[in-house]
PDB file of N, CA and C in Angstrom:
ATOM      1  N   MET A   1      92.992  88.945 128.099  1.00  0.00           N
ATOM      2  CA  MET A   1      94.319  89.507 127.988  1.00  0.00           C
ATOM      3  C   MET A   1      94.239  90.968 128.403  1.00  0.00           C
ATOM      4  N   GLY A   2      95.079  91.349 129.366  1.00  0.00           N
ATOM      5  CA  GLY A   2      95.131  92.733 129.818  1.00  0.00           C
ATOM      6  C   GLY A   2      95.891  93.600 128.839  1.00  0.00           C
ATOM      7  N   CYS A   3      95.828  94.877 129.042  1.00  0.00           N
ATOM      8  CA  CYS A   3      96.532  95.818 128.173  1.00  0.00           C
ATOM      9  C   CYS A   3      97.420  96.716 129.010  1.00  0.00           C
ATOM     10  N   SER A   4      98.477  97.166 128.395  1.00  0.00           N
ATOM     11  CA  SER A   4      99.383  98.140 129.002  1.00  0.00           C
ATOM     12  C   SER A   4      99.616  99.253 128.004  1.00  0.00           C
ATOM     13  N   LYS A   5      99.847 100.429 128.518  1.00  0.00           N
ATOM     14  CA  LYS A   5     100.138 101.575 127.660  1.00  0.00           C
ATOM     15  C   LYS A   5     101.646 101.774 127.623  1.00  0.00           C
ATOM     16  N   LEU A   6     102.179 101.989 126.426  1.00  0.00           N
ATOM     17  CA  LEU A   6     103.612 102.214 126.248  1.00  0.00           C
ATOM     18  C   LEU A   6     103.835 103.557 125.581  1.00  0.00           C
ATOM     19  N   ASP A   7     104.897 104.238 125.970  1.00  0.00           N
ATOM     20  CA  ASP A   7     105.354 105.413 125.233  1.00  0.00           C
ATOM     21  C   ASP A   7     106.383 104.905 124.236  1.00  0.00           C
ATOM     22  N   LEU A   8     106.306 105.382 123.014  1.00  0.00           N
ATOM     23  CA  LEU A   8     107.152 104.859 121.945  1.00  0.00           C
ATOM     24  C   LEU A   8     107.732 106.018 121.149  1.00  0.00           C
ATOM     25  N   THR A   9     109.025 105.974 120.911  1.00  0.00           N
ATOM     26  CA  THR A   9     109.671 106.974 120.074  1.00  0.00           C
ATOM     27  C   THR A   9     110.046 106.314 118.758  1.00  0.00           C
ATOM     28  N   ILE A  10     109.481 106.844 117.658  1.00  0.00           N
ATOM     29  CA  ILE A  10     109.789 106.297 116.330  1.00  0.00           C
ATOM     30  C   ILE A  10     110.044 107.456 115.373  1.00  0.00           C
ATOM     31  N   PRO A  11     110.723 107.179 114.254  1.00  0.00           N
ATOM     32  CA  PRO A  11     111.016 108.247 113.286  1.00  0.00           C
ATOM     33  C   PRO A  11     109.738 108.899 112.750  1.00  0.00           C
ATOM     34  N   GLN A  12     109.825 110.164 112.444  1.00  0.00           N
ATOM     35  CA  GLN A  12     108.681 110.926 111.936  1.00  0.00           C
ATOM     36  C   GLN A  12     108.108 110.293 110.667  1.00  0.00           C
ATOM     37  N   ASP A  13     108.981 109.733 109.810  1.00  0.00           N
ATOM     38  CA  ASP A  13     108.498 109.073 108.589  1.00  0.00           C
ATOM     39  C   ASP A  13     107.531 107.939 108.933  1.00  0.00           C
ATOM     40  N   TYR A  14     107.815 107.198 110.001  1.00  0.00           N
ATOM     41  CA  TYR A  14     106.948 106.103 110.426  1.00  0.00           C
ATOM     42  C   TYR A  14     105.593 106.655 110.868  1.00  0.00           C
ATOM     43  N   VAL A  15     105.632 107.740 111.628  1.00  0.00           N
ATOM     44  CA  VAL A  15     104.392 108.352 112.113  1.00  0.00           C
ATOM     45  C   VAL A  15     103.539 108.806 110.927  1.00  0.00           C
ATOM     46  N   GLU A  16     104.172 109.416 109.947  1.00  0.00           N
ATOM     47  CA  GLU A  16     103.443 109.887 108.770  1.00  0.00           C
ATOM     48  C   GLU A  16     102.854 108.724 107.988  1.00  0.00           C
ATOM     49  N   ALA A  17     103.600 107.617 107.891  1.00  0.00           N
ATOM     50  CA  ALA A  17     103.083 106.431 107.199  1.00  0.00           C
ATOM     51  C   ALA A  17     101.896 105.838 107.960  1.00  0.00           C
ATOM     52  N   LEU A  18     101.994 105.791 109.278  1.00  0.00           N
ATOM     53  CA  LEU A  18     100.877 105.303 110.097  1.00  0.00           C
ATOM     54  C   LEU A  18      99.645 106.182 109.877  1.00  0.00           C
ATOM     55  N   ASP A  19      99.847 107.488 109.905  1.00  0.00           N
ATOM     56  CA  ASP A  19      98.737 108.419 109.727  1.00  0.00           C
ATOM     57  C   ASP A  19      98.087 108.269 108.349  1.00  0.00           C
ATOM     58  N   ARG A  20      98.890 108.019 107.323  1.00  0.00           N
ATOM     59  CA  ARG A  20      98.331 107.813 105.979  1.00  0.00           C
ATOM     60  C   ARG A  20      97.418 106.588 105.956  1.00  0.00           C
ATOM     61  N   LEU A  21      97.856 105.501 106.600  1.00  0.00           N
ATOM     62  CA  LEU A  21      97.029 104.288 106.637  1.00  0.00           C
ATOM     63  C   LEU A  21      95.710 104.536 107.365  1.00  0.00           C
ATOM     64  N   VAL A  22      95.762 105.327 108.423  1.00  0.00           N
ATOM     65  CA  VAL A  22      94.542 105.664 109.162  1.00  0.00           C
ATOM     66  C   VAL A  22      93.649 106.566 108.302  1.00  0.00           C
ATOM     67  N   GLU A  23      94.235 107.574 107.657  1.00  0.00           N
ATOM     68  CA  GLU A  23      93.464 108.495 106.811  1.00  0.00           C
ATOM     69  C   GLU A  23      92.799 107.765 105.649  1.00  0.00           C
ATOM     70  N   GLU A  24      93.472 106.724 105.123  1.00  0.00           N
ATOM     71  CA  GLU A  24      92.912 105.950 104.017  1.00  0.00           C
ATOM     72  C   GLU A  24      91.810 105.006 104.488  1.00  0.00           C
ATOM     73  N   GLY A  25      91.607 104.953 105.790  1.00  0.00           N
ATOM     74  CA  GLY A  25      90.546 104.118 106.324  1.00  0.00           C
ATOM     75  C   GLY A  25      90.898 102.655 106.471  1.00  0.00           C
ATOM     76  N   LEU A  26      92.178 102.322 106.339  1.00  0.00           N
ATOM     77  CA  LEU A  26      92.595 100.928 106.451  1.00  0.00           C
ATOM     78  C   LEU A  26      92.668 100.464 107.902  1.00  0.00           C
ATOM     79  N   TYR A  27      92.842 101.402 108.807  1.00  0.00           N
ATOM     80  CA  TYR A  27      92.925 101.099 110.234  1.00  0.00           C
ATOM     81  C   TYR A  27      92.164 102.171 110.994  1.00  0.00           C
ATOM     82  N   ILE A  28      91.709 101.787 112.175  1.00  0.00           N
ATOM     83  CA  ILE A  28      90.941 102.714 113.008  1.00  0.00           C
ATOM     84  C   ILE A  28      91.851 103.751 113.663  1.00  0.00           C
ATOM     85  N   ASP A  29      93.084 103.356 114.000  1.00  0.00           N
ATOM     86  CA  ASP A  29      94.037 104.277 114.622  1.00  0.00           C
ATOM     87  C   ASP A  29      95.448 103.696 114.517  1.00  0.00           C
ATOM     88  N   ARG A  30      96.430 104.473 114.943  1.00  0.00           N
ATOM     89  CA  ARG A  30      97.830 104.036 114.883  1.00  0.00           C
ATOM     90  C   ARG A  30      98.054 102.759 115.681  1.00  0.00           C
ATOM     91  N   GLY A  31      97.408 102.680 116.835  1.00  0.00           N
ATOM     92  CA  GLY A  31      97.588 101.512 117.705  1.00  0.00           C
ATOM     93  C   GLY A  31      97.199 100.213 117.018  1.00  0.00           C
ATOM     94  N   ALA A  32      96.137 100.246 116.206  1.00  0.00           N
ATOM     95  CA  ALA A  32      95.699  99.036 115.500  1.00  0.00           C
ATOM     96  C   ALA A  32      96.787  98.547 114.540  1.00  0.00           C
ATOM     97  N   ILE A  33      97.463  99.478 113.905  1.00  0.00           N
ATOM     98  CA  ILE A  33      98.537  99.116 112.976  1.00  0.00           C
ATOM     99  C   ILE A  33      99.699  98.481 113.745  1.00  0.00           C
ATOM    100  N   ILE A  34     100.074  99.119 114.823  1.00  0.00           N
ATOM    101  CA  ILE A  34     101.200  98.628 115.619  1.00  0.00           C
ATOM    102  C   ILE A  34     100.874  97.262 116.218  1.00  0.00           C
ATOM    103  N   ARG A  35      99.638  97.086 116.726  1.00  0.00           N
ATOM    104  CA  ARG A  35      99.253  95.787 117.284  1.00  0.00           C
ATOM    105  C   ARG A  35      99.309  94.694 116.225  1.00  0.00           C
ATOM    106  N   GLU A  36      98.828  94.995 115.007  1.00  0.00           N
ATOM    107  CA  GLU A  36      98.882  93.995 113.940  1.00  0.00           C
ATOM    108  C   GLU A  36     100.327  93.648 113.589  1.00  0.00           C
ATOM    109  N   ALA A  37     101.172  94.658 113.504  1.00  0.00           N
ATOM    110  CA  ALA A  37     102.585  94.412 113.180  1.00  0.00           C
ATOM    111  C   ALA A  37     103.242  93.533 114.245  1.00  0.00           C
ATOM    112  N   LEU A  38     102.927  93.799 115.509  1.00  0.00           N
ATOM    113  CA  LEU A  38     103.491  92.987 116.595  1.00  0.00           C
ATOM    114  C   LEU A  38     102.970  91.551 116.538  1.00  0.00           C
ATOM    115  N   ARG A  39     101.669  91.381 116.306  1.00  0.00           N
ATOM    116  CA  ARG A  39     101.108  90.027 116.189  1.00  0.00           C
ATOM    117  C   ARG A  39     101.793  89.262 115.068  1.00  0.00           C
ATOM    118  N   ASP A  40     101.953  89.924 113.902  1.00  0.00           N
ATOM    119  CA  ASP A  40     102.628  89.269 112.775  1.00  0.00           C
ATOM    120  C   ASP A  40     104.056  88.890 113.128  1.00  0.00           C
ATOM    121  N   HIS A  41     104.757  89.784 113.802  1.00  0.00           N
ATOM    122  CA  HIS A  41     106.139  89.511 114.201  1.00  0.00           C
ATOM    123  C   HIS A  41     106.199  88.329 115.174  1.00  0.00           C
ATOM    124  N   PHE A  42     105.301  88.307 116.167  1.00  0.00           N
ATOM    125  CA  PHE A  42     105.278  87.214 117.134  1.00  0.00           C
ATOM    126  C   PHE A  42     104.957  85.886 116.452  1.00  0.00           C
ATOM    127  N   ARG A  43     104.014  85.897 115.530  1.00  0.00           N
ATOM    128  CA  ARG A  43     103.678  84.666 114.792  1.00  0.00           C
ATOM    129  C   ARG A  43     104.889  84.174 114.007  1.00  0.00           C
ATOM    130  N   GLN A  44     105.534  85.109 113.326  1.00  0.00           N
ATOM    131  CA  GLN A  44     106.699  84.748 112.510  1.00  0.00           C
ATOM    132  C   GLN A  44     107.798  84.127 113.368  1.00  0.00           C
ATOM    133  N   LYS A  45     107.943  84.593 114.588  1.00  0.00           N
ATOM    134  CA  LYS A  45     108.973  84.081 115.489  1.00  0.00           C
ATOM    135  C   LYS A  45     108.504  82.853 116.268  1.00  0.00           C
ATOM    136  N   GLY A  46     107.228  82.466 116.091  1.00  0.00           N
ATOM    137  CA  GLY A  46     106.701  81.298 116.779  1.00  0.00           C
ATOM    138  C   GLY A  46     106.413  81.530 118.248  1.00  0.00           C
ATOM    139  N   ILE A  47     106.156  82.764 118.632  1.00  0.00           N
ATOM    140  CA  ILE A  47     105.892  83.096 120.033  1.00  0.00           C
ATOM    141  C   ILE A  47     104.419  82.835 120.342  1.00  0.00           C
ATOM    142  N   GLU A  48     104.160  82.040 121.364  1.00  0.00           N
ATOM    143  CA  GLU A  48     102.791  81.745 121.792  1.00  0.00           C
ATOM    144  C   GLU A  48     102.210  82.965 122.493  1.00  0.00           C
ATOM    145  N   PRO A  49     100.948  83.220 122.514  1.00  0.00           N
ATOM    146  CA  PRO A  49      99.847  82.457 121.917  1.00  0.00           C
ATOM    147  C   PRO A  49      99.540  82.894 120.494  1.00  0.00           C
ATOM    148  N   PHE A  50     100.443  83.607 119.870  1.00  0.00           N
ATOM    149  CA  PHE A  50     100.187  84.149 118.532  1.00  0.00           C
ATOM    150  C   PHE A  50     100.460  83.137 117.434  1.00  0.00           C
ATOM    151  N   CYS A  51     101.098  82.040 117.787  1.00  0.00           N
ATOM    152  CA  CYS A  51     101.501  81.041 116.811  1.00  0.00           C
ATOM    153  C   CYS A  51     100.631  79.800 116.995  1.00  0.00           C
ATOM    154  N   ASN A  52      99.688  79.570 116.090  1.00  0.00           N
ATOM    155  CA  ASN A  52      98.870  78.354 116.098  1.00  0.00           C
ATOM    156  C   ASN A  52      99.321  77.479 114.951  1.00  0.00           C
ATOM    157  N   GLU A  53      99.643  76.251 115.259  1.00  0.00           N
ATOM    158  CA  GLU A  53     100.091  75.333 114.218  1.00  0.00           C
ATOM    159  C   GLU A  53      98.919  74.692 113.483  1.00  0.00           C
ATOM    160  N   GLY A  54      97.697  74.852 113.992  1.00  0.00           N
ATOM    161  CA  GLY A  54      96.522  74.215 113.405  1.00  0.00           C
ATOM    162  C   GLY A  54      95.946  75.013 112.257  1.00  0.00           C
ATOM    163  N   ALA A  55      94.648  74.855 112.093  1.00  0.00           N
ATOM    164  CA  ALA A  55      93.942  75.498 110.979  1.00  0.00           C
ATOM    165  C   ALA A  55      94.030  77.013 111.034  1.00  0.00           C
ATOM    166  N   GLU A  56      94.152  77.562 112.230  1.00  0.00           N
ATOM    167  CA  GLU A  56      94.214  79.018 112.363  1.00  0.00           C
ATOM    168  C   GLU A  56      95.386  79.609 111.607  1.00  0.00           C
ATOM    169  N   LYS A  57      96.466  78.831 111.444  1.00  0.00           N
ATOM    170  CA  LYS A  57      97.670  79.354 110.797  1.00  0.00           C
ATOM    171  C   LYS A  57      97.381  79.799 109.368  1.00  0.00           C
ATOM    172  N   ASN A  58      96.568  79.021 108.645  1.00  0.00           N
ATOM    173  CA  ASN A  58      96.296  79.333 107.246  1.00  0.00           C
ATOM    174  C   ASN A  58      95.017  80.126 107.036  1.00  0.00           C
ATOM    175  N   LYS A  59      94.297  80.339 108.114  1.00  0.00           N
ATOM    176  CA  LYS A  59      93.044  81.082 108.028  1.00  0.00           C
ATOM    177  C   LYS A  59      93.346  82.570 107.836  1.00  0.00           C
ATOM    178  N   PRO A  60      92.717  83.198 106.833  1.00  0.00           N
ATOM    179  CA  PRO A  60      92.957  84.631 106.660  1.00  0.00           C
ATOM    180  C   PRO A  60      92.483  85.408 107.889  1.00  0.00           C
ATOM    181  N   ARG A  61      93.259  86.409 108.295  1.00  0.00           N
ATOM    182  CA  ARG A  61      92.917  87.212 109.454  1.00  0.00           C
ATOM    183  C   ARG A  61      92.287  88.509 109.000  1.00  0.00           C
ATOM    184  N   MET A  62      91.309  88.951 109.766  1.00  0.00           N
ATOM    185  CA  MET A  62      90.672  90.234 109.501  1.00  0.00           C
ATOM    186  C   MET A  62      90.513  90.972 110.806  1.00  0.00           C
ATOM    187  N   HIS A  63      90.775  92.235 110.776  1.00  0.00           N
ATOM    188  CA  HIS A  63      90.463  93.060 111.934  1.00  0.00           C
ATOM    189  C   HIS A  63      88.954  93.119 112.066  1.00  0.00           C
ATOM    190  N   VAL A  64      88.485  93.237 113.256  1.00  0.00           N
ATOM    191  CA  VAL A  64      87.054  93.414 113.462  1.00  0.00           C
ATOM    192  C   VAL A  64      86.599  94.633 112.673  1.00  0.00           C
ATOM    193  N   GLU A  65      87.394  95.688 112.718  1.00  0.00           N
ATOM    194  CA  GLU A  65      87.026  96.906 112.018  1.00  0.00           C
ATOM    195  C   GLU A  65      86.907  96.647 110.522  1.00  0.00           C
ATOM    196  N   THR A  66      87.853  95.874 109.968  1.00  0.00           N
ATOM    197  CA  THR A  66      87.839  95.595 108.536  1.00  0.00           C
ATOM    198  C   THR A  66      86.611  94.774 108.174  1.00  0.00           C
ATOM    199  N   LYS A  67      86.292  93.768 108.985  1.00  0.00           N
ATOM    200  CA  LYS A  67      85.117  92.941 108.709  1.00  0.00           C
ATOM    201  C   LYS A  67      83.854  93.790 108.758  1.00  0.00           C
ATOM    202  N   GLU A  68      83.753  94.657 109.749  1.00  0.00           N
ATOM    203  CA  GLU A  68      82.588  95.525 109.846  1.00  0.00           C
ATOM    204  C   GLU A  68      82.474  96.429 108.621  1.00  0.00           C
ATOM    205  N   ILE A  69      83.595  96.940 108.174  1.00  0.00           N
ATOM    206  CA  ILE A  69      83.593  97.801 106.985  1.00  0.00           C
ATOM    207  C   ILE A  69      83.156  97.004 105.763  1.00  0.00           C
ATOM    208  N   MET A  70      83.674  95.779 105.622  1.00  0.00           N
ATOM    209  CA  MET A  70      83.292  94.938 104.485  1.00  0.00           C
ATOM    210  C   MET A  70      81.789  94.642 104.520  1.00  0.00           C
ATOM    211  N   ASP A  71      81.252  94.339 105.688  1.00  0.00           N
ATOM    212  CA  ASP A  71      79.812  94.084 105.815  1.00  0.00           C
ATOM    213  C   ASP A  71      79.007  95.321 105.429  1.00  0.00           C
ATOM    214  N   MET A  72      79.468  96.482 105.873  1.00  0.00           N
ATOM    215  CA  MET A  72      78.782  97.725 105.541  1.00  0.00           C
ATOM    216  C   MET A  72      78.833  97.988 104.034  1.00  0.00           C
ATOM    217  N   LEU A  73      79.984  97.697 103.413  1.00  0.00           N
ATOM    218  CA  LEU A  73      80.115  97.910 101.970  1.00  0.00           C
ATOM    219  C   LEU A  73      79.184  96.980 101.198  1.00  0.00           C
ATOM    220  N   LYS A  74      79.072  95.723 101.650  1.00  0.00           N
ATOM    221  CA  LYS A  74      78.169  94.782 100.986  1.00  0.00           C
ATOM    222  C   LYS A  74      76.725  95.256 101.098  1.00  0.00           C
ATOM    223  N   GLU A  75      76.357  95.717 102.290  1.00  0.00           N
ATOM    224  CA  GLU A  75      75.004  96.218 102.491  1.00  0.00           C
ATOM    225  C   GLU A  75      74.753  97.452 101.625  1.00  0.00           C
ATOM    226  N   THR A  76      75.730  98.349 101.570  1.00  0.00           N
ATOM    227  CA  THR A  76      75.602  99.562 100.756  1.00  0.00           C
ATOM    228  C   THR A  76      75.461  99.199  99.285  1.00  0.00           C
ATOM    229  N   LYS A  77      76.245  98.226  98.823  1.00  0.00           N
ATOM    230  CA  LYS A  77      76.154  97.793  97.424  1.00  0.00           C
ATOM    231  C   LYS A  77      74.765  97.245  97.122  1.00  0.00           C
ATOM    232  N   SER A  78      74.233  96.465  98.039  1.00  0.00           N
ATOM    233  CA  SER A  78      72.894  95.913  97.850  1.00  0.00           C
ATOM    234  C   SER A  78      71.855  97.029  97.756  1.00  0.00           C
ATOM    235  N   ILE A  79      71.956  98.017  98.615  1.00  0.00           N
ATOM    236  CA  ILE A  79      71.033  99.156  98.591  1.00  0.00           C
ATOM    237  C   ILE A  79      71.179  99.918  97.276  1.00  0.00           C
ATOM    238  N   MET A  80      72.428 100.134  96.856  1.00  0.00           N
ATOM    239  CA  MET A  80      72.673 100.867  95.611  1.00  0.00           C
ATOM    240  C   MET A  80      72.154 100.077  94.403  1.00  0.00           C
ATOM    241  N   ASP A  81      72.315  98.748  94.413  1.00  0.00           N
ATOM    242  CA  ASP A  81      71.785  97.920  93.323  1.00  0.00           C
ATOM    243  C   ASP A  81      70.263  98.059  93.244  1.00  0.00           C
ATOM    244  N   ASP A  82      69.595  98.009  94.408  1.00  0.00           N
ATOM    245  CA  ASP A  82      68.137  98.173  94.439  1.00  0.00           C
ATOM    246  C   ASP A  82      67.737  99.557  93.927  1.00  0.00           C
ATOM    247  N   PHE A  83      68.467 100.573  94.346  1.00  0.00           N
ATOM    248  CA  PHE A  83      68.180 101.942  93.924  1.00  0.00           C
ATOM    249  C   PHE A  83      68.364 102.077  92.412  1.00  0.00           C
ATOM    250  N   MET A  84      69.444 101.474  91.886  1.00  0.00           N
ATOM    251  CA  MET A  84      69.706 101.543  90.452  1.00  0.00           C
ATOM    252  C   MET A  84      68.576 100.862  89.671  1.00  0.00           C
ATOM    253  N   GLN A  85      68.100  99.729  90.171  1.00  0.00           N
ATOM    254  CA  GLN A  85      66.983  99.049  89.513  1.00  0.00           C
ATOM    255  C   GLN A  85      65.738  99.924  89.542  1.00  0.00           C
ATOM    256  N   HIS A  86      65.530 100.603  90.646  1.00  0.00           N
ATOM    257  CA  HIS A  86      64.391 101.528  90.762  1.00  0.00           C
ATOM    258  C   HIS A  86      64.510 102.644  89.713  1.00  0.00           C
ATOM    259  N   LEU A  87      65.704 103.199  89.551  1.00  0.00           N
ATOM    260  CA  LEU A  87      65.912 104.257  88.546  1.00  0.00           C
ATOM    261  C   LEU A  87      65.686 103.731  87.133  1.00  0.00           C
ATOM    262  N   ILE A  88      66.120 102.520  86.878  1.00  0.00           N
ATOM    263  CA  ILE A  88      65.903 101.924  85.551  1.00  0.00           C
ATOM    264  C   ILE A  88      64.409 101.765  85.292  1.00  0.00           C
ATOM    265  N   ASN A  89      63.670 101.320  86.305  1.00  0.00           N
ATOM    266  CA  ASN A  89      62.217 101.173  86.154  1.00  0.00           C
ATOM    267  C   ASN A  89      61.552 102.523  85.864  1.00  0.00           C
ATOM    268  N   ILE A  90      61.974 103.556  86.571  1.00  0.00           N
ATOM    269  CA  ILE A  90      61.436 104.900  86.332  1.00  0.00           C
ATOM    270  C   ILE A  90      61.753 105.347  84.910  1.00  0.00           C
ATOM    271  N   ASP A  91      62.996 105.127  84.480  1.00  0.00           N
ATOM    272  CA  ASP A  91      63.410 105.509  83.130  1.00  0.00           C
ATOM    273  C   ASP A  91      62.567 104.779  82.082  1.00  0.00           C
ATOM    274  N   ASN A  92      62.327 103.499  82.295  1.00  0.00           N
ATOM    275  CA  ASN A  92      61.507 102.731  81.346  1.00  0.00           C
ATOM    276  C   ASN A  92      60.084 103.267  81.293  1.00  0.00           C
ATOM    277  N   ARG A  93      59.519 103.624  82.456  1.00  0.00           N
ATOM    278  CA  ARG A  93      58.165 104.190  82.480  1.00  0.00           C
ATOM    279  C   ARG A  93      58.122 105.538  81.760  1.00  0.00           C
ATOM    280  N   LEU A  94      59.162 106.351  81.965  1.00  0.00           N
ATOM    281  CA  LEU A  94      59.217 107.652  81.285  1.00  0.00           C
ATOM    282  C   LEU A  94      59.294 107.465  79.766  1.00  0.00           C
ATOM    283  N   LYS A  95      60.081 106.514  79.332  1.00  0.00           N
ATOM    284  CA  LYS A  95      60.196 106.256  77.887  1.00  0.00           C
ATOM    285  C   LYS A  95      58.845 105.807  77.338  1.00  0.00           C
ATOM    286  N   LYS A  96      58.136 104.982  78.093  1.00  0.00           N
ATOM    287  CA  LYS A  96      56.828 104.511  77.656  1.00  0.00           C
ATOM    288  C   LYS A  96      55.867 105.680  77.534  1.00  0.00           C
ATOM    289  N   VAL A  97      55.862 106.563  78.519  1.00  0.00           N
ATOM    290  CA  VAL A  97      54.982 107.738  78.487  1.00  0.00           C
ATOM    291  C   VAL A  97      55.350 108.644  77.314  1.00  0.00           C
ATOM    292  N   GLU A  98      56.672 108.846  77.088  1.00  0.00           N
ATOM    293  CA  GLU A  98      57.117 109.686  75.983  1.00  0.00           C
ATOM    294  C   GLU A  98      56.677 109.110  74.647  1.00  0.00           C
ATOM    295  N   SER A  99      56.734 107.790  74.521  1.00  0.00           N
ATOM    296  CA  SER A  99      56.316 107.172  73.241  1.00  0.00           C
ATOM    297  C   SER A  99      54.813 107.296  73.028  1.00  0.00           C
ATOM    298  N   GLN A 100      54.051 107.284  74.114  1.00  0.00           N
ATOM    299  CA  GLN A 100      52.600 107.440  74.001  1.00  0.00           C
ATOM    300  C   GLN A 100      52.224 108.873  73.625  1.00  0.00           C
ATOM    301  N   ILE A 101      53.034 109.820  74.115  1.00  0.00           N
ATOM    302  CA  ILE A 101      52.759 111.235  73.815  1.00  0.00           C
ATOM    303  C   ILE A 101      53.119 111.552  72.380  1.00  0.00           C
ATOM    304  N   SER A 102      54.168 110.944  71.871  1.00  0.00           N
ATOM    305  CA  SER A 102      54.635 111.268  70.502  1.00  0.00           C
ATOM    306  C   SER A 102      53.719 110.771  69.440  1.00  0.00           C
TER     307      SER A 102
END
């Protein structure tokens, strides 16, 4: 699918709302938000190729960016869990040493 660039005039409130979503990290840029909104609108209206009547219709959609972020968060959580276990082990060893000294 090719792409075209469009100039778009929208109310300032819309621009500020788009920017907030980007700042919150929910979207990579304004264009991603607008593309998602258009895809949703086309699906709702039954416009092909955005409207699949099969399994895709009920399948949850994720932006590539969102999936990548979720994968990164899972990996970060795993690293943090390992680090926390390491700190607990250190704390237990320190308590053991303190009890031996006392």
